[in-house]
Amino acid sequence: MDIGKIIGKVVATVKDPSLVGLRLFVVQRISQNHEPVGSAIVAVDVDGIAGIGDIVYVVSGGDAAFAHANREIPTDITIVGLVDSITMTSETNSIGEK
């Protein structure tokens, strides 16, 4: 799982039939301080929950392909939730690391 910020959208006039009706967004992975980490990625929004500027969490690999309850999606990265807040403890150096 990674945390990222949606920085753009992808418009595809032709795509795999299993992606019809799903939105594609450009997501920039971010650090705990909201600094960009690595290159931007394209992620599928299977639940239609996200928009430009939202902080989201994404899954990749096999988890991404099976994130939709009713169908398998040909994707490597899927948006699975919106981040409302991140609380860091003094023992935590970065997201997910102690």
C-alpha atoms as a PDB file:
ATOM      1  CA  MET A   1       0.000   0.000   0.000  1.00  0.00           C
ATOM      2  CA  ASP A   2       1.192   3.499  -0.852  1.00  0.00           C
ATOM      3  CA  ILE A   3      -0.097   6.966  -0.102  1.00  0.00           C
ATOM      4  CA  GLY A   4      -0.343   9.466  -2.950  1.00  0.00           C
ATOM      5  CA  LYS A   5      -1.937  12.652  -4.196  1.00  0.00           C
ATOM      6  CA  ILE A   6      -4.027  12.748  -7.358  1.00  0.00           C
ATOM      7  CA  ILE A   7      -2.388  15.277  -9.661  1.00  0.00           C
ATOM      8  CA  GLY A   8      -4.154  14.603 -12.945  1.00  0.00           C
ATOM      9  CA  LYS A   9      -6.506  12.422 -14.935  1.00  0.00           C
ATOM     10  CA  VAL A  10      -6.073  10.213 -17.966  1.00  0.00           C
ATOM     11  CA  VAL A  11      -8.600  10.270 -20.799  1.00  0.00           C
ATOM     12  CA  ALA A  12      -8.570   7.140 -22.954  1.00  0.00           C
ATOM     13  CA  THR A  13     -10.990   6.984 -25.876  1.00  0.00           C
ATOM     14  CA  VAL A  14     -10.107   3.332 -26.466  1.00  0.00           C
ATOM     15  CA  LYS A  15      -9.383   0.959 -23.607  1.00  0.00           C
ATOM     16  CA  ASP A  16      -9.890  -2.623 -22.484  1.00  0.00           C
ATOM     17  CA  PRO A  17     -13.628  -3.354 -22.181  1.00  0.00           C
ATOM     18  CA  SER A  18     -13.216  -4.260 -18.506  1.00  0.00           C
ATOM     19  CA  LEU A  19     -12.053  -0.685 -17.825  1.00  0.00           C
ATOM     20  CA  VAL A  20     -15.127   0.956 -19.356  1.00  0.00           C
ATOM     21  CA  GLY A  21     -16.834   3.129 -16.751  1.00  0.00           C
ATOM     22  CA  LEU A  22     -13.736   3.352 -14.539  1.00  0.00           C
ATOM     23  CA  ARG A  23     -11.694   6.523 -14.164  1.00  0.00           C
ATOM     24  CA  LEU A  24      -7.917   6.666 -14.518  1.00  0.00           C
ATOM     25  CA  PHE A  25      -5.908   9.153 -12.442  1.00  0.00           C
ATOM     26  CA  VAL A  26      -2.280  10.266 -12.288  1.00  0.00           C
ATOM     27  CA  VAL A  27      -1.076   9.741  -8.713  1.00  0.00           C
ATOM     28  CA  GLN A  28       2.136  11.113  -7.218  1.00  0.00           C
ATOM     29  CA  ARG A  29       3.356   9.012  -4.304  1.00  0.00           C
ATOM     30  CA  ILE A  30       4.132  11.196  -1.295  1.00  0.00           C
ATOM     31  CA  SER A  31       6.115  10.983   1.954  1.00  0.00           C
ATOM     32  CA  GLN A  32       4.789  11.651   5.452  1.00  0.00           C
ATOM     33  CA  ASN A  33       5.570  15.336   4.847  1.00  0.00           C
ATOM     34  CA  HIS A  34       3.608  15.313   1.569  1.00  0.00           C
ATOM     35  CA  GLU A  35       6.822  15.542  -0.455  1.00  0.00           C
ATOM     36  CA  PRO A  36       6.849  13.740  -3.841  1.00  0.00           C
ATOM     37  CA  VAL A  37       8.471  10.290  -3.843  1.00  0.00           C
ATOM     38  CA  GLY A  38       9.548   8.772  -7.155  1.00  0.00           C
ATOM     39  CA  SER A  39       7.691   9.086 -10.435  1.00  0.00           C
ATOM     40  CA  ALA A  40       3.969   9.634 -10.878  1.00  0.00           C
ATOM     41  CA  ILE A  41       1.843   6.556 -11.639  1.00  0.00           C
ATOM     42  CA  VAL A  42      -1.514   5.877 -13.286  1.00  0.00           C
ATOM     43  CA  ALA A  43      -4.115   4.232 -11.057  1.00  0.00           C
ATOM     44  CA  VAL A  44      -7.659   2.992 -11.622  1.00  0.00           C
ATOM     45  CA  ASP A  45     -10.427   4.361  -9.371  1.00  0.00           C
ATOM     46  CA  VAL A  46     -12.749   1.349  -9.097  1.00  0.00           C
ATOM     47  CA  ASP A  47     -15.233   2.935  -6.691  1.00  0.00           C
ATOM     48  CA  GLY A  48     -15.469   6.398  -8.266  1.00  0.00           C
ATOM     49  CA  ILE A  49     -14.488   7.957  -4.953  1.00  0.00           C
ATOM     50  CA  ALA A  50     -11.498  10.111  -5.852  1.00  0.00           C
ATOM     51  CA  GLY A  51     -10.818  13.425  -7.537  1.00  0.00           C
ATOM     52  CA  ILE A  52      -7.996  15.804  -8.391  1.00  0.00           C
ATOM     53  CA  GLY A  53      -6.157  16.949  -5.250  1.00  0.00           C
ATOM     54  CA  ASP A  54      -7.327  14.060  -3.050  1.00  0.00           C
ATOM     55  CA  ILE A  55      -4.881  12.106  -0.910  1.00  0.00           C
ATOM     56  CA  VAL A  56      -5.496   8.420  -1.601  1.00  0.00           C
ATOM     57  CA  TYR A  57      -4.060   5.029  -0.796  1.00  0.00           C
ATOM     58  CA  VAL A  58      -3.336   2.616  -3.572  1.00  0.00           C
ATOM     59  CA  VAL A  59      -2.523  -1.066  -3.842  1.00  0.00           C
ATOM     60  CA  SER A  60      -0.449  -2.734  -6.522  1.00  0.00           C
ATOM     61  CA  GLY A  61       0.115  -6.124  -8.109  1.00  0.00           C
ATOM     62  CA  GLY A  62      -2.444  -8.877  -7.568  1.00  0.00           C
ATOM     63  CA  ASP A  63      -4.293  -6.834  -4.944  1.00  0.00           C
ATOM     64  CA  ALA A  64      -4.921  -4.125  -7.543  1.00  0.00           C
ATOM     65  CA  ALA A  65      -6.402  -6.525 -10.094  1.00  0.00           C
ATOM     66  CA  PHE A  66      -8.919  -7.893  -7.585  1.00  0.00           C
ATOM     67  CA  ALA A  67      -9.868  -4.647  -5.803  1.00  0.00           C
ATOM     68  CA  HIS A  68     -13.304  -4.533  -7.457  1.00  0.00           C
ATOM     69  CA  ALA A  69     -15.789  -6.924  -5.867  1.00  0.00           C
ATOM     70  CA  ASN A  70     -17.522  -7.946  -9.099  1.00  0.00           C
ATOM     71  CA  ARG A  71     -14.734  -8.256 -11.649  1.00  0.00           C
ATOM     72  CA  GLU A  72     -11.041  -8.672 -12.295  1.00  0.00           C
ATOM     73  CA  ILE A  73      -9.446  -5.525 -13.703  1.00  0.00           C
ATOM     74  CA  PRO A  74      -6.305  -5.491 -15.889  1.00  0.00           C
ATOM     75  CA  THR A  75      -4.346  -3.022 -13.761  1.00  0.00           C
ATOM     76  CA  ASP A  76      -1.188  -2.888 -11.689  1.00  0.00           C
ATOM     77  CA  ILE A  77      -2.305  -0.036  -9.427  1.00  0.00           C
ATOM     78  CA  THR A  78      -5.764   0.651  -7.962  1.00  0.00           C
ATOM     79  CA  ILE A  79      -7.082   3.423  -5.713  1.00  0.00           C
ATOM     80  CA  VAL A  80      -8.793   1.743  -2.777  1.00  0.00           C
ATOM     81  CA  GLY A  81      -9.500   4.607  -0.380  1.00  0.00           C
ATOM     82  CA  LEU A  82      -9.377   8.266   0.512  1.00  0.00           C
ATOM     83  CA  VAL A  83      -7.058   9.415   3.302  1.00  0.00           C
ATOM     84  CA  ASP A  84      -8.797  11.713   5.772  1.00  0.00           C
ATOM     85  CA  SER A  85      -5.818  12.187   8.065  1.00  0.00           C
ATOM     86  CA  ILE A  86      -2.433  10.745   8.953  1.00  0.00           C
ATOM     87  CA  THR A  87      -1.323  10.679  12.589  1.00  0.00           C
ATOM     88  CA  MET A  88       2.336  10.058  13.295  1.00  0.00           C
ATOM     89  CA  THR A  89       3.760   8.952  16.640  1.00  0.00           C
ATOM     90  CA  SER A  90       7.143  10.093  17.885  1.00  0.00           C
ATOM     91  CA  GLU A  91       8.444   6.539  17.273  1.00  0.00           C
ATOM     92  CA  THR A  92       7.509   6.551  13.570  1.00  0.00           C
ATOM     93  CA  ASN A  93      10.083   7.731  11.035  1.00  0.00           C
ATOM     94  CA  SER A  94       7.903   7.445   7.944  1.00  0.00           C
ATOM     95  CA  ILE A  95       4.618   5.935   6.897  1.00  0.00           C
ATOM     96  CA  GLY A  96       4.605   2.280   7.811  1.00  0.00           C
ATOM     97  CA  GLU A  97       8.139   2.221   9.255  1.00  0.00           C
ATOM     98  CA  LYS A  98       9.183   2.188  12.893  1.00  0.00           C
END
